[in-house]
Amino acid sequence: MRTLTTGICNCPSIGYFDKPLTPICAACDPTCYTCTNLATTCTDCNTNITFRVLTAFSTCVCQSGYFQSSSLTVICSTCSHKCMTCSSPSTQCTSCSISNNRDNATIPVCSCLKGYYDDGSSP
């Protein structure tokens, strides 16, 4: 798996990292495009998985408005129109969509602000 470059055997730069103190090229976490030192220390997010962003903590998480539906998948699914952020299920809001006239005081259901109603479909 290592490639010889100017007299040094290196791990592939995409999807693998040089596991410290071992001769092993270890696979990055599937959410990472590139990583370093640990499989979950991302330096860039996997571009094949949409809606992921790199955090200050070097992890690739679902962007606002999306959530990871299970630990068995890396796919980010859409939150309910009521939510700005959510967890599984999509209607379990962790913050409300203010732009959609939702009341943060009503988390996790995110009821409409006074004077607005939920038509069940529009954002």
PDB file of N, CA and C in Angstrom:
ATOM      1  N   MET A   1       0.817  -1.187   0.000  1.00  0.00           N
ATOM      2  CA  MET A   1       0.000   0.000   0.000  1.00  0.00           C
ATOM      3  C   MET A   1       0.872   1.266   0.000  1.00  0.00           C
ATOM      4  N   ARG A   2       2.047   1.189   0.570  1.00  0.00           N
ATOM      5  CA  ARG A   2       2.938   2.358   0.587  1.00  0.00           C
ATOM      6  C   ARG A   2       3.534   2.582  -0.798  1.00  0.00           C
ATOM      7  N   THR A   3       3.831   3.832  -1.087  1.00  0.00           N
ATOM      8  CA  THR A   3       4.473   4.161  -2.353  1.00  0.00           C
ATOM      9  C   THR A   3       5.822   4.803  -2.070  1.00  0.00           C
ATOM     10  N   LEU A   4       6.758   4.497  -2.909  1.00  0.00           N
ATOM     11  CA  LEU A   4       8.105   5.036  -2.756  1.00  0.00           C
ATOM     12  C   LEU A   4       8.189   6.389  -3.442  1.00  0.00           C
ATOM     13  N   THR A   5       8.494   7.437  -2.653  1.00  0.00           N
ATOM     14  CA  THR A   5       8.618   8.789  -3.179  1.00  0.00           C
ATOM     15  C   THR A   5       9.919   9.382  -2.646  1.00  0.00           C
ATOM     16  N   THR A   6      10.821   9.716  -3.533  1.00  0.00           N
ATOM     17  CA  THR A   6      12.144  10.267  -3.196  1.00  0.00           C
ATOM     18  C   THR A   6      12.814   9.514  -2.052  1.00  0.00           C
ATOM     19  N   GLY A   7      12.806   8.177  -2.172  1.00  0.00           N
ATOM     20  CA  GLY A   7      13.504   7.332  -1.211  1.00  0.00           C
ATOM     21  C   GLY A   7      12.762   7.071   0.090  1.00  0.00           C
ATOM     22  N   ILE A   8      11.520   7.532   0.208  1.00  0.00           N
ATOM     23  CA  ILE A   8      10.740   7.321   1.432  1.00  0.00           C
ATOM     24  C   ILE A   8       9.441   6.610   1.067  1.00  0.00           C
ATOM     25  N   CYS A   9       9.095   5.596   1.850  1.00  0.00           N
ATOM     26  CA  CYS A   9       7.829   4.886   1.639  1.00  0.00           C
ATOM     27  C   CYS A   9       6.721   5.610   2.401  1.00  0.00           C
ATOM     28  N   ASN A  10       5.735   6.106   1.675  1.00  0.00           N
ATOM     29  CA  ASN A  10       4.640   6.868   2.275  1.00  0.00           C
ATOM     30  C   ASN A  10       3.311   6.166   2.075  1.00  0.00           C
ATOM     31  N   CYS A  11       2.397   6.440   2.993  1.00  0.00           N
ATOM     32  CA  CYS A  11       1.017   5.971   2.839  1.00  0.00           C
ATOM     33  C   CYS A  11       0.348   6.840   1.785  1.00  0.00           C
ATOM     34  N   PRO A  12      -0.682   6.303   1.122  1.00  0.00           N
ATOM     35  CA  PRO A  12      -1.449   7.155   0.204  1.00  0.00           C
ATOM     36  C   PRO A  12      -2.005   8.354   0.986  1.00  0.00           C
ATOM     37  N   SER A  13      -1.998   9.518   0.389  1.00  0.00           N
ATOM     38  CA  SER A  13      -2.432  10.726   1.106  1.00  0.00           C
ATOM     39  C   SER A  13      -3.946  10.823   1.229  1.00  0.00           C
ATOM     40  N   ILE A  14      -4.680  10.097   0.398  1.00  0.00           N
ATOM     41  CA  ILE A  14      -6.138  10.160   0.433  1.00  0.00           C
ATOM     42  C   ILE A  14      -6.701   8.881   1.047  1.00  0.00           C
ATOM     43  N   GLY A  15      -7.427   9.034   2.150  1.00  0.00           N
ATOM     44  CA  GLY A  15      -8.111   7.910   2.778  1.00  0.00           C
ATOM     45  C   GLY A  15      -7.288   7.090   3.748  1.00  0.00           C
ATOM     46  N   TYR A  16      -5.999   7.409   3.913  1.00  0.00           N
ATOM     47  CA  TYR A  16      -5.131   6.648   4.814  1.00  0.00           C
ATOM     48  C   TYR A  16      -4.222   7.584   5.583  1.00  0.00           C
ATOM     49  N   PHE A  17      -3.693   7.083   6.693  1.00  0.00           N
ATOM     50  CA  PHE A  17      -2.705   7.838   7.459  1.00  0.00           C
ATOM     51  C   PHE A  17      -1.635   6.879   7.947  1.00  0.00           C
ATOM     52  N   ASP A  18      -0.485   7.419   8.230  1.00  0.00           N
ATOM     53  CA  ASP A  18       0.650   6.654   8.711  1.00  0.00           C
ATOM     54  C   ASP A  18       0.471   6.461  10.210  1.00  0.00           C
ATOM     55  N   LYS A  19       0.103   5.253  10.615  1.00  0.00           N
ATOM     56  CA  LYS A  19      -0.162   4.987  12.033  1.00  0.00           C
ATOM     57  C   LYS A  19       1.142   5.116  12.813  1.00  0.00           C
ATOM     58  N   PRO A  20       1.167   6.046  13.792  1.00  0.00           N
ATOM     59  CA  PRO A  20       2.415   6.309  14.536  1.00  0.00           C
ATOM     60  C   PRO A  20       3.000   5.046  15.190  1.00  0.00           C
ATOM     61  N   LEU A  21       4.295   4.957  15.124  1.00  0.00           N
ATOM     62  CA  LEU A  21       5.084   3.883  15.745  1.00  0.00           C
ATOM     63  C   LEU A  21       4.796   2.493  15.189  1.00  0.00           C
ATOM     64  N   THR A  22       4.195   2.430  14.008  1.00  0.00           N
ATOM     65  CA  THR A  22       3.946   1.145  13.351  1.00  0.00           C
ATOM     66  C   THR A  22       4.248   1.304  11.859  1.00  0.00           C
ATOM     67  N   PRO A  23       4.422   0.196  11.154  1.00  0.00           N
ATOM     68  CA  PRO A  23       4.627   0.283   9.697  1.00  0.00           C
ATOM     69  C   PRO A  23       3.301   0.258   8.924  1.00  0.00           C
ATOM     70  N   ILE A  24       2.199   0.499   9.614  1.00  0.00           N
ATOM     71  CA  ILE A  24       0.862   0.317   9.029  1.00  0.00           C
ATOM     72  C   ILE A  24       0.319   1.601   8.414  1.00  0.00           C
ATOM     73  N   CYS A  25      -0.284   1.465   7.229  1.00  0.00           N
ATOM     74  CA  CYS A  25      -1.099   2.521   6.638  1.00  0.00           C
ATOM     75  C   CYS A  25      -2.539   2.184   7.043  1.00  0.00           C
ATOM     76  N   ALA A  26      -3.097   2.970   7.939  1.00  0.00           N
ATOM     77  CA  ALA A  26      -4.447   2.702   8.444  1.00  0.00           C
ATOM     78  C   ALA A  26      -5.463   3.552   7.687  1.00  0.00           C
ATOM     79  N   ALA A  27      -6.671   3.023   7.565  1.00  0.00           N
ATOM     80  CA  ALA A  27      -7.745   3.733   6.855  1.00  0.00           C
ATOM     81  C   ALA A  27      -8.308   4.853   7.716  1.00  0.00           C
ATOM     82  N   CYS A  28      -8.594   5.974   7.066  1.00  0.00           N
ATOM     83  CA  CYS A  28      -9.274   7.087   7.731  1.00  0.00           C
ATOM     84  C   CYS A  28     -10.730   6.703   7.972  1.00  0.00           C
ATOM     85  N   ASP A  29     -11.368   7.390   8.898  1.00  0.00           N
ATOM     86  CA  ASP A  29     -12.804   7.259   9.101  1.00  0.00           C
ATOM     87  C   ASP A  29     -13.492   7.538   7.767  1.00  0.00           C
ATOM     88  N   PRO A  30     -14.586   6.851   7.439  1.00  0.00           N
ATOM     89  CA  PRO A  30     -15.254   7.063   6.147  1.00  0.00           C
ATOM     90  C   PRO A  30     -15.712   8.507   5.903  1.00  0.00           C
ATOM     91  N   THR A  31     -15.899   9.287   6.956  1.00  0.00           N
ATOM     92  CA  THR A  31     -16.308  10.678   6.769  1.00  0.00           C
ATOM     93  C   THR A  31     -15.139  11.565   6.358  1.00  0.00           C
ATOM     94  N   CYS A  32     -13.916  11.083   6.556  1.00  0.00           N
ATOM     95  CA  CYS A  32     -12.711  11.868   6.239  1.00  0.00           C
ATOM     96  C   CYS A  32     -12.231  11.588   4.812  1.00  0.00           C
ATOM     97  N   TYR A  33     -11.796  12.628   4.142  1.00  0.00           N
ATOM     98  CA  TYR A  33     -11.119  12.485   2.852  1.00  0.00           C
ATOM     99  C   TYR A  33      -9.640  12.239   3.130  1.00  0.00           C
ATOM    100  N   THR A  34      -9.099  13.029   4.052  1.00  0.00           N
ATOM    101  CA  THR A  34      -7.734  12.848   4.534  1.00  0.00           C
ATOM    102  C   THR A  34      -7.761  12.952   6.051  1.00  0.00           C
ATOM    103  N   CYS A  35      -6.797  12.288   6.711  1.00  0.00           N
ATOM    104  CA  CYS A  35      -6.728  12.334   8.169  1.00  0.00           C
ATOM    105  C   CYS A  35      -5.270  12.214   8.591  1.00  0.00           C
ATOM    106  N   THR A  36      -5.043  12.449   9.885  1.00  0.00           N
ATOM    107  CA  THR A  36      -3.686  12.381  10.398  1.00  0.00           C
ATOM    108  C   THR A  36      -3.673  11.842  11.823  1.00  0.00           C
ATOM    109  N   ASN A  37      -2.702  11.023  12.143  1.00  0.00           N
ATOM    110  CA  ASN A  37      -2.467  10.456  13.479  1.00  0.00           C
ATOM    111  C   ASN A  37      -3.544   9.497  13.985  1.00  0.00           C
ATOM    112  N   LEU A  38      -4.803   9.813  13.781  1.00  0.00           N
ATOM    113  CA  LEU A  38      -5.917   8.942  14.167  1.00  0.00           C
ATOM    114  C   LEU A  38      -6.906   8.894  13.009  1.00  0.00           C
ATOM    115  N   ALA A  39      -7.644   7.801  12.903  1.00  0.00           N
ATOM    116  CA  ALA A  39      -8.609   7.647  11.810  1.00  0.00           C
ATOM    117  C   ALA A  39      -9.678   8.735  11.842  1.00  0.00           C
ATOM    118  N   THR A  40      -9.990   9.233  13.038  1.00  0.00           N
ATOM    119  CA  THR A  40     -11.064  10.216  13.186  1.00  0.00           C
ATOM    120  C   THR A  40     -10.567  11.660  13.261  1.00  0.00           C
ATOM    121  N   THR A  41      -9.264  11.885  13.083  1.00  0.00           N
ATOM    122  CA  THR A  41      -8.728  13.242  13.050  1.00  0.00           C
ATOM    123  C   THR A  41      -8.644  13.682  11.593  1.00  0.00           C
ATOM    124  N   CYS A  42      -9.744  14.231  11.113  1.00  0.00           N
ATOM    125  CA  CYS A  42      -9.853  14.598   9.696  1.00  0.00           C
ATOM    126  C   CYS A  42      -9.115  15.904   9.409  1.00  0.00           C
ATOM    127  N   THR A  43      -8.509  15.969   8.235  1.00  0.00           N
ATOM    128  CA  THR A  43      -7.938  17.222   7.752  1.00  0.00           C
ATOM    129  C   THR A  43      -8.774  17.759   6.594  1.00  0.00           C
ATOM    130  N   ASP A  44      -9.651  16.914   6.065  1.00  0.00           N
ATOM    131  CA  ASP A  44     -10.603  17.304   5.024  1.00  0.00           C
ATOM    132  C   ASP A  44     -11.716  16.267   5.019  1.00  0.00           C
ATOM    133  N   CYS A  45     -12.925  16.684   4.652  1.00  0.00           N
ATOM    134  CA  CYS A  45     -14.075  15.763   4.642  1.00  0.00           C
ATOM    135  C   CYS A  45     -14.187  15.031   3.312  1.00  0.00           C
ATOM    136  N   ASN A  46     -14.758  13.835   3.373  1.00  0.00           N
ATOM    137  CA  ASN A  46     -14.983  13.008   2.197  1.00  0.00           C
ATOM    138  C   ASN A  46     -15.974  13.719   1.274  1.00  0.00           C
ATOM    139  N   THR A  47     -15.535  14.062   0.081  1.00  0.00           N
ATOM    140  CA  THR A  47     -16.376  14.796  -0.854  1.00  0.00           C
ATOM    141  C   THR A  47     -17.463  13.932  -1.483  1.00  0.00           C
ATOM    142  N   ASN A  48     -17.361  12.608  -1.326  1.00  0.00           N
ATOM    143  CA  ASN A  48     -18.397  11.716  -1.842  1.00  0.00           C
ATOM    144  C   ASN A  48     -19.615  11.671  -0.919  1.00  0.00           C
ATOM    145  N   ILE A  49     -19.461  12.199   0.281  1.00  0.00           N
ATOM    146  CA  ILE A  49     -20.564  12.241   1.243  1.00  0.00           C
ATOM    147  C   ILE A  49     -20.993  13.700   1.341  1.00  0.00           C
ATOM    148  N   THR A  50     -22.171  14.005   0.868  1.00  0.00           N
ATOM    149  CA  THR A  50     -22.618  15.393   0.847  1.00  0.00           C
ATOM    150  C   THR A  50     -23.107  15.837   2.223  1.00  0.00           C
ATOM    151  N   PHE A  51     -23.111  17.141   2.397  1.00  0.00           N
ATOM    152  CA  PHE A  51     -23.625  17.803   3.595  1.00  0.00           C
ATOM    153  C   PHE A  51     -22.760  17.588   4.831  1.00  0.00           C
ATOM    154  N   ARG A  52     -21.475  17.344   4.658  1.00  0.00           N
ATOM    155  CA  ARG A  52     -20.533  17.219   5.778  1.00  0.00           C
ATOM    156  C   ARG A  52     -19.625  18.444   5.805  1.00  0.00           C
ATOM    157  N   VAL A  53     -19.295  18.901   7.010  1.00  0.00           N
ATOM    158  CA  VAL A  53     -18.389  20.032   7.176  1.00  0.00           C
ATOM    159  C   VAL A  53     -17.328  19.671   8.214  1.00  0.00           C
ATOM    160  N   LEU A  54     -16.139  20.234   8.031  1.00  0.00           N
ATOM    161  CA  LEU A  54     -15.025  20.009   8.948  1.00  0.00           C
ATOM    162  C   LEU A  54     -15.140  20.969  10.123  1.00  0.00           C
ATOM    163  N   THR A  55     -15.089  20.439  11.338  1.00  0.00           N
ATOM    164  CA  THR A  55     -15.193  21.265  12.536  1.00  0.00           C
ATOM    165  C   THR A  55     -13.807  21.698  13.018  1.00  0.00           C
ATOM    166  N   ALA A  56     -13.786  22.594  13.986  1.00  0.00           N
ATOM    167  CA  ALA A  56     -12.527  23.033  14.603  1.00  0.00           C
ATOM    168  C   ALA A  56     -11.867  21.880  15.361  1.00  0.00           C
ATOM    169  N   PHE A  57     -12.637  20.828  15.633  1.00  0.00           N
ATOM    170  CA  PHE A  57     -12.116  19.665  16.351  1.00  0.00           C
ATOM    171  C   PHE A  57     -11.654  18.564  15.395  1.00  0.00           C
ATOM    172  N   SER A  58     -11.527  18.898  14.112  1.00  0.00           N
ATOM    173  CA  SER A  58     -11.034  17.979  13.079  1.00  0.00           C
ATOM    174  C   SER A  58     -11.921  16.758  12.876  1.00  0.00           C
ATOM    175  N   THR A  59     -13.224  16.963  12.984  1.00  0.00           N
ATOM    176  CA  THR A  59     -14.178  15.906  12.672  1.00  0.00           C
ATOM    177  C   THR A  59     -15.101  16.402  11.567  1.00  0.00           C
ATOM    178  N   CYS A  60     -15.655  15.482  10.815  1.00  0.00           N
ATOM    179  CA  CYS A  60     -16.587  15.832   9.747  1.00  0.00           C
ATOM    180  C   CYS A  60     -17.997  15.486  10.210  1.00  0.00           C
ATOM    181  N   VAL A  61     -18.801  16.510  10.411  1.00  0.00           N
ATOM    182  CA  VAL A  61     -20.159  16.335  10.926  1.00  0.00           C
ATOM    183  C   VAL A  61     -21.166  16.806   9.879  1.00  0.00           C
ATOM    184  N   CYS A  62     -22.405  16.398  10.067  1.00  0.00           N
ATOM    185  CA  CYS A  62     -23.466  16.862   9.169  1.00  0.00           C
ATOM    186  C   CYS A  62     -23.659  18.363   9.365  1.00  0.00           C
ATOM    187  N   GLN A  63     -23.808  19.081   8.271  1.00  0.00           N
ATOM    188  CA  GLN A  63     -24.005  20.531   8.363  1.00  0.00           C
ATOM    189  C   GLN A  63     -25.379  20.841   8.934  1.00  0.00           C
ATOM    190  N   SER A  64     -25.581  22.075   9.308  1.00  0.00           N
ATOM    191  CA  SER A  64     -26.841  22.530   9.875  1.00  0.00           C
ATOM    192  C   SER A  64     -27.994  22.175   8.939  1.00  0.00           C
ATOM    193  N   GLY A  65     -29.071  21.618   9.509  1.00  0.00           N
ATOM    194  CA  GLY A  65     -30.219  21.210   8.710  1.00  0.00           C
ATOM    195  C   GLY A  65     -30.195  19.743   8.312  1.00  0.00           C
ATOM    196  N   TYR A  66     -29.134  19.031   8.718  1.00  0.00           N
ATOM    197  CA  TYR A  66     -28.971  17.610   8.396  1.00  0.00           C
ATOM    198  C   TYR A  66     -28.526  16.859   9.641  1.00  0.00           C
ATOM    199  N   PHE A  67     -28.722  15.551   9.651  1.00  0.00           N
ATOM    200  CA  PHE A  67     -28.302  14.721  10.774  1.00  0.00           C
ATOM    201  C   PHE A  67     -27.872  13.358  10.272  1.00  0.00           C
ATOM    202  N   GLN A  68     -27.042  12.687  11.059  1.00  0.00           N
ATOM    203  CA  GLN A  68     -26.617  11.323  10.730  1.00  0.00           C
ATOM    204  C   GLN A  68     -27.660  10.389  11.321  1.00  0.00           C
ATOM    205  N   SER A  69     -28.382   9.677  10.473  1.00  0.00           N
ATOM    206  CA  SER A  69     -29.539   8.905  10.914  1.00  0.00           C
ATOM    207  C   SER A  69     -29.198   7.670  11.742  1.00  0.00           C
ATOM    208  N   SER A  70     -27.985   7.155  11.626  1.00  0.00           N
ATOM    209  CA  SER A  70     -27.588   6.023  12.464  1.00  0.00           C
ATOM    210  C   SER A  70     -26.070   5.928  12.495  1.00  0.00           C
ATOM    211  N   SER A  71     -25.564   5.218  13.484  1.00  0.00           N
ATOM    212  CA  SER A  71     -24.112   5.035  13.581  1.00  0.00           C
ATOM    213  C   SER A  71     -23.603   4.065  12.523  1.00  0.00           C
ATOM    214  N   LEU A  72     -24.519   3.396  11.834  1.00  0.00           N
ATOM    215  CA  LEU A  72     -24.148   2.428  10.806  1.00  0.00           C
ATOM    216  C   LEU A  72     -23.999   3.051   9.424  1.00  0.00           C
ATOM    217  N   THR A  73     -24.299   4.345   9.306  1.00  0.00           N
ATOM    218  CA  THR A  73     -24.218   5.016   8.012  1.00  0.00           C
ATOM    219  C   THR A  73     -23.497   6.347   8.162  1.00  0.00           C
ATOM    220  N   VAL A  74     -22.913   6.824   7.085  1.00  0.00           N
ATOM    221  CA  VAL A  74     -22.253   8.131   7.103  1.00  0.00           C
ATOM    222  C   VAL A  74     -23.080   9.172   6.357  1.00  0.00           C
ATOM    223  N   ILE A  75     -24.261   8.761   5.907  1.00  0.00           N
ATOM    224  CA  ILE A  75     -25.115   9.648   5.124  1.00  0.00           C
ATOM    225  C   ILE A  75     -25.801  10.662   6.031  1.00  0.00           C
ATOM    226  N   CYS A  76     -25.846  11.906   5.583  1.00  0.00           N
ATOM    227  CA  CYS A  76     -26.552  12.968   6.301  1.00  0.00           C
ATOM    228  C   CYS A  76     -27.951  13.099   5.696  1.00  0.00           C
ATOM    229  N   SER A  77     -28.965  12.975   6.540  1.00  0.00           N
ATOM    230  CA  SER A  77     -30.365  13.096   6.108  1.00  0.00           C
ATOM    231  C   SER A  77     -30.902  14.470   6.495  1.00  0.00           C
ATOM    232  N   THR A  78     -31.946  14.906   5.808  1.00  0.00           N
ATOM    233  CA  THR A  78     -32.525  16.228   6.024  1.00  0.00           C
ATOM    234  C   THR A  78     -33.357  16.272   7.298  1.00  0.00           C
ATOM    235  N   CYS A  79     -33.180  17.340   8.078  1.00  0.00           N
ATOM    236  CA  CYS A  79     -34.015  17.581   9.261  1.00  0.00           C
ATOM    237  C   CYS A  79     -35.396  18.048   8.809  1.00  0.00           C
ATOM    238  N   SER A  80     -36.342  17.959   9.708  1.00  0.00           N
ATOM    239  CA  SER A  80     -37.675  18.500   9.479  1.00  0.00           C
ATOM    240  C   SER A  80     -37.574  19.999   9.201  1.00  0.00           C
ATOM    241  N   HIS A  81     -38.538  20.540   8.465  1.00  0.00           N
ATOM    242  CA  HIS A  81     -38.546  21.978   8.164  1.00  0.00           C
ATOM    243  C   HIS A  81     -38.678  22.825   9.424  1.00  0.00           C
ATOM    244  N   LYS A  82     -39.057  22.208  10.531  1.00  0.00           N
ATOM    245  CA  LYS A  82     -39.192  22.920  11.803  1.00  0.00           C
ATOM    246  C   LYS A  82     -37.836  23.189  12.461  1.00  0.00           C
ATOM    247  N   CYS A  83     -36.845  22.396  12.093  1.00  0.00           N
ATOM    248  CA  CYS A  83     -35.556  22.413  12.790  1.00  0.00           C
ATOM    249  C   CYS A  83     -34.459  23.159  12.027  1.00  0.00           C
ATOM    250  N   MET A  84     -33.587  23.816  12.782  1.00  0.00           N
ATOM    251  CA  MET A  84     -32.339  24.306  12.210  1.00  0.00           C
ATOM    252  C   MET A  84     -31.313  23.182  12.312  1.00  0.00           C
ATOM    253  N   THR A  85     -31.303  22.501  13.463  1.00  0.00           N
ATOM    254  CA  THR A  85     -30.471  21.317  13.676  1.00  0.00           C
ATOM    255  C   THR A  85     -31.344  20.263  14.345  1.00  0.00           C
ATOM    256  N   CYS A  86     -30.971  18.994  14.156  1.00  0.00           N
ATOM    257  CA  CYS A  86     -31.778  17.915  14.734  1.00  0.00           C
ATOM    258  C   CYS A  86     -30.912  16.688  14.950  1.00  0.00           C
ATOM    259  N   SER A  87     -31.515  15.730  15.646  1.00  0.00           N
ATOM    260  CA  SER A  87     -30.907  14.411  15.795  1.00  0.00           C
ATOM    261  C   SER A  87     -31.945  13.411  15.305  1.00  0.00           C
ATOM    262  N   SER A  88     -31.628  12.148  15.375  1.00  0.00           N
ATOM    263  CA  SER A  88     -32.555  11.145  14.875  1.00  0.00           C
ATOM    264  C   SER A  88     -33.696  10.954  15.866  1.00  0.00           C
ATOM    265  N   PRO A  89     -34.957  10.953  15.445  1.00  0.00           N
ATOM    266  CA  PRO A  89     -35.463  11.124  14.086  1.00  0.00           C
ATOM    267  C   PRO A  89     -35.407  12.586  13.644  1.00  0.00           C
ATOM    268  N   SER A  90     -35.708  12.831  12.406  1.00  0.00           N
ATOM    269  CA  SER A  90     -35.563  14.168  11.814  1.00  0.00           C
ATOM    270  C   SER A  90     -36.419  15.229  12.495  1.00  0.00           C
ATOM    271  N   THR A  91     -37.434  14.816  13.225  1.00  0.00           N
ATOM    272  CA  THR A  91     -38.316  15.761  13.918  1.00  0.00           C
ATOM    273  C   THR A  91     -37.846  16.062  15.334  1.00  0.00           C
ATOM    274  N   GLN A  92     -36.744  15.470  15.769  1.00  0.00           N
ATOM    275  CA  GLN A  92     -36.188  15.707  17.102  1.00  0.00           C
ATOM    276  C   GLN A  92     -35.241  16.908  17.006  1.00  0.00           C
ATOM    277  N   CYS A  93     -35.811  18.102  17.057  1.00  0.00           N
ATOM    278  CA  CYS A  93     -35.034  19.331  16.877  1.00  0.00           C
ATOM    279  C   CYS A  93     -34.115  19.586  18.072  1.00  0.00           C
ATOM    280  N   THR A  94     -32.881  20.001  17.775  1.00  0.00           N
ATOM    281  CA  THR A  94     -31.964  20.452  18.822  1.00  0.00           C
ATOM    282  C   THR A  94     -31.861  21.972  18.805  1.00  0.00           C
ATOM    283  N   SER A  95     -32.322  22.590  17.726  1.00  0.00           N
ATOM    284  CA  SER A  95     -32.531  24.041  17.636  1.00  0.00           C
ATOM    285  C   SER A  95     -33.597  24.269  16.572  1.00  0.00           C
ATOM    286  N   CYS A  96     -34.330  25.366  16.727  1.00  0.00           N
ATOM    287  CA  CYS A  96     -35.467  25.625  15.838  1.00  0.00           C
ATOM    288  C   CYS A  96     -35.080  26.545  14.687  1.00  0.00           C
ATOM    289  N   SER A  97     -35.808  26.420  13.599  1.00  0.00           N
ATOM    290  CA  SER A  97     -35.592  27.246  12.420  1.00  0.00           C
ATOM    291  C   SER A  97     -36.277  28.606  12.619  1.00  0.00           C
ATOM    292  N   ILE A  98     -35.497  29.583  12.999  1.00  0.00           N
ATOM    293  CA  ILE A  98     -36.022  30.936  13.216  1.00  0.00           C
ATOM    294  C   ILE A  98     -36.533  31.521  11.903  1.00  0.00           C
ATOM    295  N   SER A  99     -35.839  31.216  10.802  1.00  0.00           N
ATOM    296  CA  SER A  99     -36.262  31.738   9.493  1.00  0.00           C
ATOM    297  C   SER A  99     -37.623  31.162   9.079  1.00  0.00           C
ATOM    298  N   ASN A 100     -38.012  30.049   9.687  1.00  0.00           N
ATOM    299  CA  ASN A 100     -39.316  29.450   9.412  1.00  0.00           C
ATOM    300  C   ASN A 100     -40.306  29.749  10.539  1.00  0.00           C
ATOM    301  N   ASN A 101     -40.017  30.817  11.295  1.00  0.00           N
ATOM    302  CA  ASN A 101     -40.916  31.299  12.353  1.00  0.00           C
ATOM    303  C   ASN A 101     -41.200  30.255  13.427  1.00  0.00           C
ATOM    304  N   ARG A 102     -40.132  29.613  13.895  1.00  0.00           N
ATOM    305  CA  ARG A 102     -40.240  28.590  14.931  1.00  0.00           C
ATOM    306  C   ARG A 102     -39.713  29.127  16.257  1.00  0.00           C
ATOM    307  N   ASP A 103     -40.305  28.680  17.354  1.00  0.00           N
ATOM    308  CA  ASP A 103     -40.003  29.166  18.695  1.00  0.00           C
ATOM    309  C   ASP A 103     -38.992  28.255  19.379  1.00  0.00           C
ATOM    310  N   ASN A 104     -37.757  28.771  19.618  1.00  0.00           N
ATOM    311  CA  ASN A 104     -36.712  27.980  20.277  1.00  0.00           C
ATOM    312  C   ASN A 104     -37.101  27.551  21.678  1.00  0.00           C
ATOM    313  N   ALA A 105     -38.038  28.242  22.305  1.00  0.00           N
ATOM    314  CA  ALA A 105     -38.490  27.879  23.653  1.00  0.00           C
ATOM    315  C   ALA A 105     -39.282  26.576  23.647  1.00  0.00           C
ATOM    316  N   THR A 106     -39.614  26.067  22.446  1.00  0.00           N
ATOM    317  CA  THR A 106     -40.424  24.843  22.364  1.00  0.00           C
ATOM    318  C   THR A 106     -39.632  23.636  21.852  1.00  0.00           C
ATOM    319  N   ILE A 107     -38.303  23.706  21.915  1.00  0.00           N
ATOM    320  CA  ILE A 107     -37.459  22.560  21.523  1.00  0.00           C
ATOM    321  C   ILE A 107     -37.883  21.359  22.359  1.00  0.00           C
ATOM    322  N   PRO A 108     -38.028  20.170  21.849  1.00  0.00           N
ATOM    323  CA  PRO A 108     -37.608  19.667  20.553  1.00  0.00           C
ATOM    324  C   PRO A 108     -38.684  19.708  19.468  1.00  0.00           C
ATOM    325  N   VAL A 109     -39.909  20.169  19.792  1.00  0.00           N
ATOM    326  CA  VAL A 109     -40.959  20.132  18.772  1.00  0.00           C
ATOM    327  C   VAL A 109     -40.961  21.351  17.861  1.00  0.00           C
ATOM    328  N   CYS A 110     -40.427  22.481  18.333  1.00  0.00           N
ATOM    329  CA  CYS A 110     -40.325  23.720  17.556  1.00  0.00           C
ATOM    330  C   CYS A 110     -41.676  24.178  17.002  1.00  0.00           C
ATOM    331  N   SER A 111     -42.539  24.574  17.903  1.00  0.00           N
ATOM    332  CA  SER A 111     -43.856  25.090  17.516  1.00  0.00           C
ATOM    333  C   SER A 111     -43.701  26.422  16.794  1.00  0.00           C
ATOM    334  N   CYS A 112     -44.737  26.809  16.083  1.00  0.00           N
ATOM    335  CA  CYS A 112     -44.740  28.094  15.381  1.00  0.00           C
ATOM    336  C   CYS A 112     -44.786  29.246  16.386  1.00  0.00           C
ATOM    337  N   LEU A 113     -44.173  30.363  16.002  1.00  0.00           N
ATOM    338  CA  LEU A 113     -44.302  31.585  16.793  1.00  0.00           C
ATOM    339  C   LEU A 113     -45.753  32.042  16.754  1.00  0.00           C
ATOM    340  N   LYS A 114     -46.154  32.814  17.743  1.00  0.00           N
ATOM    341  CA  LYS A 114     -47.521  33.345  17.764  1.00  0.00           C
ATOM    342  C   LYS A 114     -47.781  34.133  16.491  1.00  0.00           C
ATOM    343  N   GLY A 115     -48.963  33.931  15.926  1.00  0.00           N
ATOM    344  CA  GLY A 115     -49.341  34.619  14.700  1.00  0.00           C
ATOM    345  C   GLY A 115     -49.033  33.824  13.439  1.00  0.00           C
ATOM    346  N   TYR A 116     -48.404  32.636  13.586  1.00  0.00           N
ATOM    347  CA  TYR A 116     -48.063  31.771  12.448  1.00  0.00           C
ATOM    348  C   TYR A 116     -48.695  30.406  12.650  1.00  0.00           C
ATOM    349  N   TYR A 117     -48.905  29.673  11.561  1.00  0.00           N
ATOM    350  CA  TYR A 117     -49.428  28.328  11.664  1.00  0.00           C
ATOM    351  C   TYR A 117     -48.580  27.404  10.784  1.00  0.00           C
ATOM    352  N   ASP A 118     -48.640  26.121  11.102  1.00  0.00           N
ATOM    353  CA  ASP A 118     -47.874  25.108  10.364  1.00  0.00           C
ATOM    354  C   ASP A 118     -48.786  24.489   9.315  1.00  0.00           C
ATOM    355  N   ASP A 119     -48.441  24.721   8.047  1.00  0.00           N
ATOM    356  CA  ASP A 119     -49.252  24.126   6.987  1.00  0.00           C
ATOM    357  C   ASP A 119     -48.810  22.697   6.674  1.00  0.00           C
ATOM    358  N   GLY A 120     -47.788  22.222   7.426  1.00  0.00           N
ATOM    359  CA  GLY A 120     -47.359  20.827   7.297  1.00  0.00           C
ATOM    360  C   GLY A 120     -46.374  20.543   6.196  1.00  0.00           C
ATOM    361  N   SER A 121     -46.060  21.540   5.380  1.00  0.00           N
ATOM    362  CA  SER A 121     -45.147  21.228   4.283  1.00  0.00           C
ATOM    363  C   SER A 121     -44.148  22.331   3.975  1.00  0.00           C
ATOM    364  N   SER A 122     -44.560  23.563   4.049  1.00  0.00           N
ATOM    365  CA  SER A 122     -43.640  24.615   3.607  1.00  0.00           C
ATOM    366  C   SER A 122     -42.626  24.943   4.677  1.00  0.00           C
ATOM    367  N   PRO A 123     -41.427  25.269   4.259  1.00  0.00           N
ATOM    368  CA  PRO A 123     -40.374  25.603   5.210  1.00  0.00           C
ATOM    369  C   PRO A 123     -40.629  26.924   5.907  1.00  0.00           C
TER     370      PRO A 123
END
